[in-house]
């Protein structure tokens, strides 16, 4: 189980690095998705 948690932790760090590199793109995506999903919530 310890090896699995270590793998998960390294995977999270890897994903975090990618997210940090693509912060602007992710922010634009989040803004776009929020804009697209908000109308669905109120229907």
Protein backbone atom coordinates (compact mmCIF):
# COMPACT_ATOMS: atom_id res chain seq x y z
CA UNK A 1 0.00 0.00 0.00
CA UNK A 2 2.90 2.38 0.74
CA UNK A 3 4.23 1.98 -2.81
CA UNK A 4 0.77 2.76 -4.21
CA UNK A 5 0.50 5.93 -2.12
CA UNK A 6 4.00 6.93 -3.28
CA UNK A 7 2.93 6.40 -6.90
CA UNK A 8 -0.23 8.43 -6.34
CA UNK A 9 1.80 11.23 -4.72
CA UNK A 10 4.28 11.36 -7.62
CA UNK A 11 1.37 11.31 -10.06
CA UNK A 12 -0.26 14.22 -8.24
CA UNK A 13 3.04 16.14 -8.33
CA UNK A 14 3.39 15.38 -12.05
CA UNK A 15 -0.15 16.60 -12.76
CA UNK A 16 0.49 19.67 -10.59
CA UNK A 17 3.60 20.53 -12.65
CA UNK A 18 1.57 20.27 -15.87
CA UNK A 19 -1.19 22.43 -14.38
CA UNK A 20 1.32 25.06 -13.25
CA UNK A 21 2.83 25.10 -16.76
CA UNK A 22 -0.63 25.52 -18.30
CA UNK A 23 -2.10 27.84 -15.66
CA UNK A 24 -3.33 30.39 -18.20
CA UNK A 25 -4.89 27.75 -20.45
CA UNK A 26 -6.57 26.06 -17.46
CA UNK A 27 -7.92 29.41 -16.25
CA UNK A 28 -9.40 30.06 -19.70
CA UNK A 29 -10.90 26.54 -19.76
CA UNK A 30 -12.40 26.97 -16.29
CA UNK A 31 -13.89 30.32 -17.28
CA UNK A 32 -15.29 28.78 -20.48
CA UNK A 33 -16.74 25.75 -18.67
CA UNK A 34 -18.29 27.95 -15.97
CA UNK A 35 -19.83 30.12 -18.68
CA UNK A 36 -21.15 27.01 -20.48
CA UNK A 37 -22.37 25.18 -17.38
CA UNK A 38 -24.06 28.06 -15.55
CA UNK A 39 -27.08 28.10 -17.93
CA UNK A 40 -27.53 24.34 -17.37
CA UNK A 41 -27.77 24.81 -13.60
CA UNK A 42 -30.65 27.27 -13.85
CA UNK A 43 -32.72 25.26 -16.32
